[in-house]
Amino acid sequence: FYSKTGDVRFLSHLDLVRTWERALRRTGLELGFTDGFNPRLRLTFSGALPTGWESHAEYLELQLGEDLSSEELCRRIATVLLRGLSVRGVERHVTKSDRPRAASVAFAVV
């Protein structure tokens, strides 16, 4: 999960998705992509916040093709994120049977 504070709160949800996609590509991680003619990163976001709101508990799920520790993943992502976005924690889902949290998550507005 991550926080969205400061000037980043003025990004729309679509701009935030693009920001995450670009940042994740800059990390050099082995990322998971969809199959098909136009492959996209396998990302799942929690519900969109209204533009201008801050949050300290936004959820994002991504698929990786490599095995990293939570600390290493946080470190690599933190080096490429915009000021105002910060990774607050990482939780590993090992099997495909795990349901995404993004569908039923509540967020805290500060």
N, C-alpha and C. Protein backbone atom coordinates (compact mmCIF):
# COMPACT_ATOMS: atom_id res chain seq x y z
N PHE A 1 0.83 -1.18 0.00
CA PHE A 1 0.00 0.00 0.00
C PHE A 1 0.87 1.23 0.00
N TYR A 2 0.29 2.37 -0.36
CA TYR A 2 1.06 3.58 -0.54
C TYR A 2 0.27 4.79 -0.08
N SER A 3 0.95 5.92 0.07
CA SER A 3 0.28 7.16 0.43
C SER A 3 0.41 8.15 -0.73
N LYS A 4 -0.56 9.03 -0.80
CA LYS A 4 -0.62 10.05 -1.85
C LYS A 4 -0.88 11.38 -1.14
N THR A 5 0.15 12.22 -1.03
CA THR A 5 0.04 13.46 -0.27
C THR A 5 0.69 14.61 -1.04
N GLY A 6 0.54 15.80 -0.52
CA GLY A 6 1.18 16.97 -1.13
C GLY A 6 0.57 17.31 -2.48
N ASP A 7 1.39 17.81 -3.38
CA ASP A 7 0.91 18.24 -4.70
C ASP A 7 0.40 17.08 -5.54
N VAL A 8 0.83 15.86 -5.25
CA VAL A 8 0.38 14.69 -6.02
C VAL A 8 -1.13 14.48 -5.85
N ARG A 9 -1.71 15.00 -4.80
CA ARG A 9 -3.15 14.82 -4.58
C ARG A 9 -3.98 15.46 -5.70
N PHE A 10 -3.38 16.37 -6.47
CA PHE A 10 -4.09 17.02 -7.57
C PHE A 10 -4.05 16.22 -8.87
N LEU A 11 -3.39 15.07 -8.87
CA LEU A 11 -3.41 14.20 -10.05
C LEU A 11 -4.74 13.47 -10.12
N SER A 12 -5.28 13.35 -11.32
CA SER A 12 -6.48 12.54 -11.50
C SER A 12 -6.10 11.07 -11.36
N HIS A 13 -7.09 10.20 -11.27
CA HIS A 13 -6.80 8.78 -11.12
C HIS A 13 -6.05 8.25 -12.35
N LEU A 14 -6.45 8.66 -13.53
CA LEU A 14 -5.78 8.21 -14.74
C LEU A 14 -4.32 8.67 -14.77
N ASP A 15 -4.07 9.91 -14.39
CA ASP A 15 -2.69 10.41 -14.32
C ASP A 15 -1.88 9.65 -13.28
N LEU A 16 -2.52 9.29 -12.17
CA LEU A 16 -1.85 8.53 -11.13
C LEU A 16 -1.47 7.13 -11.64
N VAL A 17 -2.36 6.50 -12.38
CA VAL A 17 -2.06 5.19 -12.97
C VAL A 17 -0.87 5.30 -13.91
N ARG A 18 -0.86 6.31 -14.76
CA ARG A 18 0.26 6.50 -15.70
C ARG A 18 1.56 6.78 -14.94
N THR A 19 1.49 7.54 -13.86
CA THR A 19 2.66 7.83 -13.05
C THR A 19 3.24 6.56 -12.47
N TRP A 20 2.38 5.69 -11.94
CA TRP A 20 2.85 4.42 -11.39
C TRP A 20 3.46 3.54 -12.48
N GLU A 21 2.82 3.48 -13.65
CA GLU A 21 3.35 2.66 -14.74
C GLU A 21 4.76 3.12 -15.13
N ARG A 22 4.94 4.42 -15.28
CA ARG A 22 6.25 4.94 -15.65
C ARG A 22 7.29 4.69 -14.56
N ALA A 23 6.90 4.91 -13.32
CA ALA A 23 7.84 4.70 -12.21
C ALA A 23 8.25 3.24 -12.12
N LEU A 24 7.30 2.33 -12.26
CA LEU A 24 7.62 0.91 -12.17
C LEU A 24 8.53 0.47 -13.32
N ARG A 25 8.34 1.02 -14.48
CA ARG A 25 9.23 0.68 -15.61
C ARG A 25 10.64 1.18 -15.37
N ARG A 26 10.77 2.32 -14.67
CA ARG A 26 12.10 2.88 -14.37
C ARG A 26 12.86 2.07 -13.34
N THR A 27 12.19 1.25 -12.55
CA THR A 27 12.86 0.48 -11.50
C THR A 27 13.75 -0.62 -12.06
N GLY A 28 13.46 -1.09 -13.27
CA GLY A 28 14.21 -2.19 -13.83
C GLY A 28 13.75 -3.54 -13.32
N LEU A 29 12.61 -3.58 -12.61
CA LEU A 29 12.06 -4.84 -12.13
C LEU A 29 11.52 -5.66 -13.28
N GLU A 30 11.47 -6.96 -13.11
CA GLU A 30 10.86 -7.85 -14.09
C GLU A 30 9.36 -7.84 -13.82
N LEU A 31 8.62 -7.06 -14.58
CA LEU A 31 7.20 -6.84 -14.35
C LEU A 31 6.34 -7.80 -15.16
N GLY A 32 5.15 -8.09 -14.65
CA GLY A 32 4.20 -8.93 -15.36
C GLY A 32 3.35 -8.10 -16.31
N PHE A 33 3.16 -8.60 -17.52
CA PHE A 33 2.34 -7.92 -18.53
C PHE A 33 1.19 -8.81 -18.95
N THR A 34 0.11 -8.18 -19.43
CA THR A 34 -1.02 -8.92 -19.96
C THR A 34 -0.62 -9.55 -21.29
N ASP A 35 -1.37 -10.56 -21.70
CA ASP A 35 -1.14 -11.18 -23.00
C ASP A 35 -1.95 -10.42 -24.05
N GLY A 36 -1.61 -10.65 -25.28
CA GLY A 36 -2.41 -10.05 -26.35
C GLY A 36 -1.63 -9.09 -27.21
N PHE A 37 -2.36 -8.42 -28.11
CA PHE A 37 -1.77 -7.55 -29.10
C PHE A 37 -1.13 -6.31 -28.48
N ASN A 38 -1.75 -5.74 -27.43
CA ASN A 38 -1.25 -4.53 -26.79
C ASN A 38 -1.00 -4.81 -25.30
N PRO A 39 0.15 -5.41 -24.97
CA PRO A 39 0.41 -5.78 -23.57
C PRO A 39 0.45 -4.57 -22.64
N ARG A 40 -0.17 -4.71 -21.47
CA ARG A 40 -0.18 -3.67 -20.44
C ARG A 40 0.37 -4.27 -19.15
N LEU A 41 0.89 -3.41 -18.29
CA LEU A 41 1.34 -3.88 -16.98
C LEU A 41 0.16 -4.47 -16.21
N ARG A 42 0.43 -5.53 -15.47
CA ARG A 42 -0.60 -6.12 -14.63
C ARG A 42 -0.65 -5.34 -13.32
N LEU A 43 -1.51 -4.30 -13.29
CA LEU A 43 -1.70 -3.45 -12.12
C LEU A 43 -3.17 -3.42 -11.76
N THR A 44 -3.44 -3.44 -10.47
CA THR A 44 -4.80 -3.29 -9.98
C THR A 44 -4.79 -2.23 -8.89
N PHE A 45 -5.63 -1.23 -9.02
CA PHE A 45 -5.70 -0.14 -8.05
C PHE A 45 -6.98 -0.22 -7.25
N SER A 46 -6.94 0.33 -6.04
CA SER A 46 -8.17 0.48 -5.26
C SER A 46 -9.01 1.56 -5.92
N GLY A 47 -10.18 1.79 -5.41
CA GLY A 47 -11.07 2.79 -6.00
C GLY A 47 -10.41 4.16 -6.10
N ALA A 48 -10.85 4.94 -7.07
CA ALA A 48 -10.25 6.25 -7.31
C ALA A 48 -10.66 7.25 -6.24
N LEU A 49 -9.68 8.01 -5.75
CA LEU A 49 -9.95 9.11 -4.83
C LEU A 49 -10.41 10.33 -5.63
N PRO A 50 -11.24 11.16 -5.04
CA PRO A 50 -11.55 12.42 -5.72
C PRO A 50 -10.27 13.25 -5.86
N THR A 51 -10.15 13.97 -6.96
CA THR A 51 -8.98 14.82 -7.18
C THR A 51 -8.89 15.86 -6.07
N GLY A 52 -7.69 15.99 -5.49
CA GLY A 52 -7.47 16.95 -4.42
C GLY A 52 -7.46 16.34 -3.03
N TRP A 53 -7.80 15.06 -2.92
CA TRP A 53 -7.81 14.39 -1.62
C TRP A 53 -6.48 13.68 -1.39
N GLU A 54 -6.05 13.69 -0.13
CA GLU A 54 -4.86 12.93 0.27
C GLU A 54 -5.30 11.63 0.90
N SER A 55 -4.40 10.65 0.89
CA SER A 55 -4.68 9.37 1.52
C SER A 55 -3.37 8.73 1.96
N HIS A 56 -3.43 8.01 3.06
CA HIS A 56 -2.26 7.28 3.55
C HIS A 56 -2.47 5.77 3.47
N ALA A 57 -3.51 5.34 2.79
CA ALA A 57 -3.81 3.91 2.70
C ALA A 57 -4.44 3.57 1.35
N GLU A 58 -3.72 3.81 0.28
CA GLU A 58 -4.16 3.43 -1.05
C GLU A 58 -3.52 2.09 -1.40
N TYR A 59 -4.26 1.24 -2.10
CA TYR A 59 -3.75 -0.08 -2.43
C TYR A 59 -3.50 -0.23 -3.92
N LEU A 60 -2.43 -0.95 -4.21
CA LEU A 60 -2.01 -1.22 -5.58
C LEU A 60 -1.48 -2.64 -5.60
N GLU A 61 -1.93 -3.43 -6.56
CA GLU A 61 -1.39 -4.78 -6.73
C GLU A 61 -0.66 -4.84 -8.06
N LEU A 62 0.52 -5.46 -8.05
CA LEU A 62 1.25 -5.64 -9.28
C LEU A 62 1.84 -7.04 -9.30
N GLN A 63 2.09 -7.52 -10.50
CA GLN A 63 2.65 -8.85 -10.68
C GLN A 63 4.11 -8.71 -11.07
N LEU A 64 4.96 -9.43 -10.35
CA LEU A 64 6.39 -9.43 -10.64
C LEU A 64 6.82 -10.78 -11.18
N GLY A 65 7.85 -10.77 -12.00
CA GLY A 65 8.39 -12.01 -12.53
C GLY A 65 9.64 -12.45 -11.81
N GLU A 66 9.98 -11.78 -10.71
CA GLU A 66 11.16 -12.14 -9.95
C GLU A 66 10.83 -12.15 -8.46
N ASP A 67 11.64 -12.86 -7.70
CA ASP A 67 11.42 -13.00 -6.26
C ASP A 67 12.31 -12.02 -5.52
N LEU A 68 11.69 -11.02 -4.89
CA LEU A 68 12.42 -10.00 -4.13
C LEU A 68 11.88 -9.94 -2.72
N SER A 69 12.71 -9.49 -1.79
CA SER A 69 12.23 -9.25 -0.43
C SER A 69 11.39 -7.98 -0.44
N SER A 70 10.54 -7.85 0.56
CA SER A 70 9.69 -6.66 0.67
C SER A 70 10.53 -5.39 0.79
N GLU A 71 11.62 -5.47 1.55
CA GLU A 71 12.48 -4.31 1.75
C GLU A 71 13.14 -3.87 0.44
N GLU A 72 13.62 -4.85 -0.34
CA GLU A 72 14.27 -4.53 -1.61
C GLU A 72 13.27 -3.92 -2.59
N LEU A 73 12.05 -4.47 -2.64
CA LEU A 73 11.02 -3.94 -3.53
C LEU A 73 10.67 -2.50 -3.13
N CYS A 74 10.48 -2.25 -1.85
CA CYS A 74 10.17 -0.89 -1.38
C CYS A 74 11.30 0.07 -1.73
N ARG A 75 12.53 -0.34 -1.53
CA ARG A 75 13.69 0.51 -1.80
C ARG A 75 13.76 0.87 -3.28
N ARG A 76 13.59 -0.11 -4.15
CA ARG A 76 13.71 0.14 -5.59
C ARG A 76 12.59 1.03 -6.11
N ILE A 77 11.39 0.86 -5.57
CA ILE A 77 10.28 1.69 -6.01
C ILE A 77 10.42 3.11 -5.46
N ALA A 78 10.85 3.24 -4.21
CA ALA A 78 10.96 4.55 -3.57
C ALA A 78 11.94 5.47 -4.30
N THR A 79 12.94 4.90 -4.94
CA THR A 79 13.94 5.73 -5.62
C THR A 79 13.41 6.41 -6.88
N VAL A 80 12.30 5.93 -7.43
CA VAL A 80 11.80 6.48 -8.70
C VAL A 80 10.44 7.18 -8.57
N LEU A 81 9.85 7.20 -7.39
CA LEU A 81 8.52 7.80 -7.22
C LEU A 81 8.59 9.32 -7.13
N LEU A 82 7.51 9.97 -7.54
CA LEU A 82 7.37 11.41 -7.38
C LEU A 82 7.30 11.77 -5.90
N ARG A 83 7.69 13.00 -5.58
CA ARG A 83 7.53 13.49 -4.21
C ARG A 83 6.03 13.56 -3.92
N GLY A 84 5.61 12.98 -2.83
CA GLY A 84 4.20 12.93 -2.48
C GLY A 84 3.64 11.52 -2.57
N LEU A 85 4.29 10.64 -3.31
CA LEU A 85 3.94 9.23 -3.35
C LEU A 85 4.99 8.47 -2.55
N SER A 86 4.54 7.60 -1.67
CA SER A 86 5.50 6.79 -0.91
C SER A 86 4.91 5.41 -0.62
N VAL A 87 5.73 4.41 -0.74
CA VAL A 87 5.33 3.04 -0.44
C VAL A 87 5.32 2.89 1.07
N ARG A 88 4.21 2.44 1.62
CA ARG A 88 4.08 2.30 3.07
C ARG A 88 4.18 0.85 3.52
N GLY A 89 4.04 -0.08 2.61
CA GLY A 89 4.16 -1.49 2.96
C GLY A 89 3.94 -2.38 1.75
N VAL A 90 4.43 -3.61 1.86
CA VAL A 90 4.30 -4.59 0.79
C VAL A 90 3.82 -5.90 1.39
N GLU A 91 2.86 -6.51 0.74
CA GLU A 91 2.35 -7.81 1.16
C GLU A 91 2.40 -8.73 -0.04
N ARG A 92 2.88 -9.94 0.16
CA ARG A 92 3.06 -10.89 -0.94
C ARG A 92 1.85 -11.81 -1.07
N HIS A 93 1.36 -11.94 -2.31
CA HIS A 93 0.34 -12.92 -2.66
C HIS A 93 1.03 -13.95 -3.54
N VAL A 94 1.06 -15.19 -3.08
CA VAL A 94 1.83 -16.21 -3.80
C VAL A 94 0.98 -16.94 -4.83
N THR A 95 -0.26 -17.24 -4.51
CA THR A 95 -1.09 -18.03 -5.41
C THR A 95 -2.07 -17.15 -6.17
N LYS A 96 -2.52 -17.65 -7.31
CA LYS A 96 -3.50 -16.91 -8.10
C LYS A 96 -4.89 -16.95 -7.46
N SER A 97 -5.12 -17.84 -6.51
CA SER A 97 -6.43 -17.94 -5.90
C SER A 97 -6.70 -16.81 -4.91
N ASP A 98 -5.66 -16.06 -4.52
CA ASP A 98 -5.87 -14.92 -3.63
C ASP A 98 -6.67 -13.86 -4.36
N ARG A 99 -7.71 -13.37 -3.71
CA ARG A 99 -8.54 -12.33 -4.32
C ARG A 99 -7.87 -10.98 -4.13
N PRO A 100 -7.96 -10.09 -5.10
CA PRO A 100 -7.37 -8.75 -4.95
C PRO A 100 -8.04 -7.97 -3.84
N ARG A 101 -7.27 -7.25 -3.06
CA ARG A 101 -7.80 -6.38 -2.02
C ARG A 101 -8.47 -5.16 -2.60
N ALA A 102 -8.07 -4.77 -3.76
CA ALA A 102 -8.53 -3.51 -4.33
C ALA A 102 -10.05 -3.45 -4.45
N ALA A 103 -10.70 -4.60 -4.54
CA ALA A 103 -12.15 -4.61 -4.71
C ALA A 103 -12.89 -4.28 -3.41
N SER A 104 -12.25 -4.48 -2.26
CA SER A 104 -12.97 -4.29 -1.01
C SER A 104 -12.15 -3.54 0.04
N VAL A 105 -11.43 -2.54 -0.38
CA VAL A 105 -10.58 -1.83 0.56
C VAL A 105 -11.21 -0.48 0.94
N ALA A 106 -11.04 -0.09 2.18
CA ALA A 106 -11.46 1.21 2.62
C ALA A 106 -10.21 2.08 2.76
N PHE A 107 -10.32 3.34 2.45
CA PHE A 107 -9.14 4.18 2.55
C PHE A 107 -9.35 5.24 3.63
N ALA A 108 -8.24 5.70 4.18
CA ALA A 108 -8.28 6.73 5.20
C ALA A 108 -7.94 8.07 4.57
N VAL A 109 -8.77 9.04 4.80
CA VAL A 109 -8.53 10.38 4.27
C VAL A 109 -8.04 11.25 5.41
N VAL A 110 -6.92 11.92 5.18
CA VAL A 110 -6.33 12.77 6.22
C VAL A 110 -6.48 14.21 5.83
